[in-house]
Amino acid sequence: MWIGLDPGLRRTGLAESDAQGMMAFPVAALSTAELARELARRYGDGSGIRGIALGSPQQLNGAPSQGAEARDLVAKALEALWPSVPVHLVDERLTSKLAAQGAALLGRSKAVKKDKGQLDAAAASLILENYLHQKK
């Protein structure tokens, strides 16, 4: 299984792939401050994880955005938690916007406005999906 993360200073969206690494599914939004502990609780020593697609926030011109600080914090936590699990940085431009548009198309805009974690998990799923399609 692969996991995808959409890092933020307060929350980090989490997604998982299917066993074959073909599709991505939103799972949850986790507290970034508690991320390492929660990932260890969910995935143990990380031996079942083939890799991590970590969202790398960028401006439209490709320059790092203000979210780069959260990405760096999460990357450091992942390295300490699972040093042997590869982490792949994935351009996450517009993933939150696409996730919000998807929620609107499904009539879920009000639910997402009440629980921003749903949006974070959906964005993590898009990040993971992008990575899985690129690596084919």
Protein backbone atom coordinates (compact mmCIF):
# COMPACT_ATOMS: atom_id res chain seq x y z
CA MET A 1 0.00 0.00 0.00
CA TRP A 2 1.00 3.60 -0.65
CA ILE A 3 -0.08 6.54 1.46
CA GLY A 4 -0.58 10.15 0.45
CA LEU A 5 -0.29 13.19 2.70
CA ASP A 6 -1.50 16.75 2.21
CA PRO A 7 0.53 18.63 4.84
CA GLY A 8 -0.72 21.66 6.71
CA LEU A 9 0.45 23.40 9.86
CA ARG A 10 -2.69 22.34 11.79
CA ARG A 11 -4.00 19.31 9.88
CA THR A 12 -2.56 16.81 7.44
CA GLY A 13 -4.83 14.95 5.06
CA LEU A 14 -4.26 11.20 4.77
CA ALA A 15 -5.08 8.88 1.87
CA GLU A 16 -4.32 5.24 1.11
CA SER A 17 -4.01 3.25 -2.08
CA ASP A 18 -5.54 -0.10 -2.78
CA ALA A 19 -3.26 -3.13 -2.41
CA GLN A 20 -2.18 -2.94 -6.07
CA GLY A 21 -1.30 0.75 -5.88
CA MET A 22 -3.79 1.63 -8.61
CA MET A 23 -6.38 3.82 -6.86
CA ALA A 24 -6.33 6.31 -3.99
CA PHE A 25 -8.93 6.78 -1.27
CA PRO A 26 -9.31 9.58 1.29
CA VAL A 27 -8.95 8.32 4.87
CA ALA A 28 -8.84 11.13 7.43
CA ALA A 29 -7.36 14.42 8.49
CA LEU A 30 -4.87 14.12 11.32
CA SER A 31 -3.40 16.70 13.65
CA THR A 32 0.00 17.61 12.24
CA ALA A 33 1.38 17.94 15.77
CA GLU A 34 0.30 14.32 16.47
CA LEU A 35 1.02 12.98 12.98
CA ALA A 36 3.95 10.67 13.76
CA ARG A 37 2.16 9.08 16.70
CA GLU A 38 -1.06 8.60 14.72
CA LEU A 39 0.76 7.13 11.70
CA ALA A 40 2.64 4.72 13.99
CA ARG A 41 -0.67 3.69 15.58
CA ARG A 42 -2.26 3.07 12.18
CA TYR A 43 0.67 1.54 10.29
CA GLY A 44 3.08 0.23 12.95
CA ASP A 45 6.67 0.07 11.79
CA GLY A 46 5.73 1.06 8.22
CA SER A 47 6.80 -2.29 6.77
CA GLY A 48 3.53 -2.57 4.81
CA ILE A 49 3.99 0.83 3.18
CA ARG A 50 5.64 0.87 -0.25
CA GLY A 51 6.10 4.64 -0.22
CA ILE A 52 4.62 8.00 0.66
CA ALA A 53 3.43 10.69 -1.74
CA LEU A 54 3.92 13.93 0.19
CA GLY A 55 2.28 17.04 -1.19
CA SER A 56 4.76 19.78 -1.98
CA PRO A 57 3.01 23.15 -2.09
CA GLN A 58 4.12 25.47 -4.86
CA GLN A 59 2.96 28.71 -6.36
CA LEU A 60 1.67 28.61 -9.93
CA ASN A 61 5.10 29.82 -11.13
CA GLY A 62 6.76 26.81 -9.42
CA ALA A 63 8.27 28.72 -6.50
CA PRO A 64 7.73 27.23 -3.01
CA SER A 65 4.62 28.54 -1.28
CA GLN A 66 4.01 29.34 2.37
CA GLY A 67 2.92 25.72 2.93
CA ALA A 68 6.50 24.55 2.40
CA GLU A 69 7.08 24.90 6.15
CA ALA A 70 4.41 22.29 6.88
CA ARG A 71 5.83 19.98 4.18
CA ASP A 72 9.29 20.21 5.75
CA LEU A 73 7.93 19.47 9.25
CA VAL A 74 6.03 16.43 7.99
CA ALA A 75 9.00 15.18 5.92
CA LYS A 76 11.24 15.40 8.99
CA ALA A 77 8.71 13.49 11.11
CA LEU A 78 8.41 10.78 8.44
CA GLU A 79 12.18 10.38 8.19
CA ALA A 80 12.42 9.93 11.96
CA LEU A 81 9.45 7.53 12.08
CA TRP A 82 10.21 5.33 9.05
CA PRO A 83 13.71 5.99 7.67
CA SER A 84 13.47 3.13 5.16
CA VAL A 85 10.12 4.17 3.62
CA PRO A 86 10.67 6.31 0.51
CA VAL A 87 9.02 9.74 0.50
CA HIS A 88 8.21 11.27 -2.88
CA LEU A 89 7.44 14.97 -3.13
CA VAL A 90 4.44 15.59 -5.38
CA ASP A 91 3.35 18.96 -6.77
CA GLU A 92 0.10 19.71 -5.00
CA ARG A 93 -0.92 22.86 -6.84
CA LEU A 94 -4.70 23.19 -7.03
CA THR A 95 -5.46 19.87 -5.27
CA SER A 96 -7.49 21.55 -2.51
CA LYS A 97 -9.41 23.54 -5.09
CA LEU A 98 -10.11 20.39 -7.14
CA ALA A 99 -11.22 18.55 -4.00
CA ALA A 100 -13.63 21.39 -3.16
CA GLN A 101 -15.01 21.36 -6.71
CA GLY A 102 -15.52 17.60 -6.45
CA ALA A 103 -17.40 18.03 -3.19
CA ALA A 104 -19.60 20.69 -4.81
CA LEU A 105 -20.40 18.39 -7.73
CA LEU A 106 -21.45 15.70 -5.26
CA GLY A 107 -23.58 18.14 -3.28
CA ARG A 108 -21.24 17.94 -0.28
CA SER A 109 -20.17 21.59 -0.06
CA LYS A 110 -21.98 22.24 3.22
CA ALA A 111 -20.49 19.16 4.88
CA VAL A 112 -16.99 20.14 3.74
CA LYS A 113 -17.43 23.68 5.06
CA LYS A 114 -18.31 22.21 8.47
CA ASP A 115 -15.46 19.68 8.43
CA LYS A 116 -12.39 20.96 6.56
CA GLY A 117 -10.70 17.64 7.33
CA GLN A 118 -12.79 16.01 4.59
CA LEU A 119 -11.25 18.43 2.12
CA ASP A 120 -7.73 17.69 3.41
CA ALA A 121 -8.25 13.93 3.05
CA ALA A 122 -9.67 14.39 -0.46
CA ALA A 123 -6.68 16.55 -1.42
CA ALA A 124 -4.33 13.85 -0.05
CA SER A 125 -6.16 11.35 -2.24
CA LEU A 126 -5.59 13.54 -5.31
CA ILE A 127 -1.89 13.90 -4.43
CA LEU A 128 -1.53 10.13 -4.11
CA GLU A 129 -3.52 9.49 -7.27
CA ASN A 130 -1.31 11.92 -9.22
CA TYR A 131 1.80 10.17 -7.96
CA LEU A 132 0.48 6.67 -8.74
CA HIS A 133 -0.38 7.72 -12.31
CA GLN A 134 3.01 9.40 -12.83
CA LYS A 135 5.00 6.35 -11.74
CA LYS A 136 3.31 4.04 -14.28
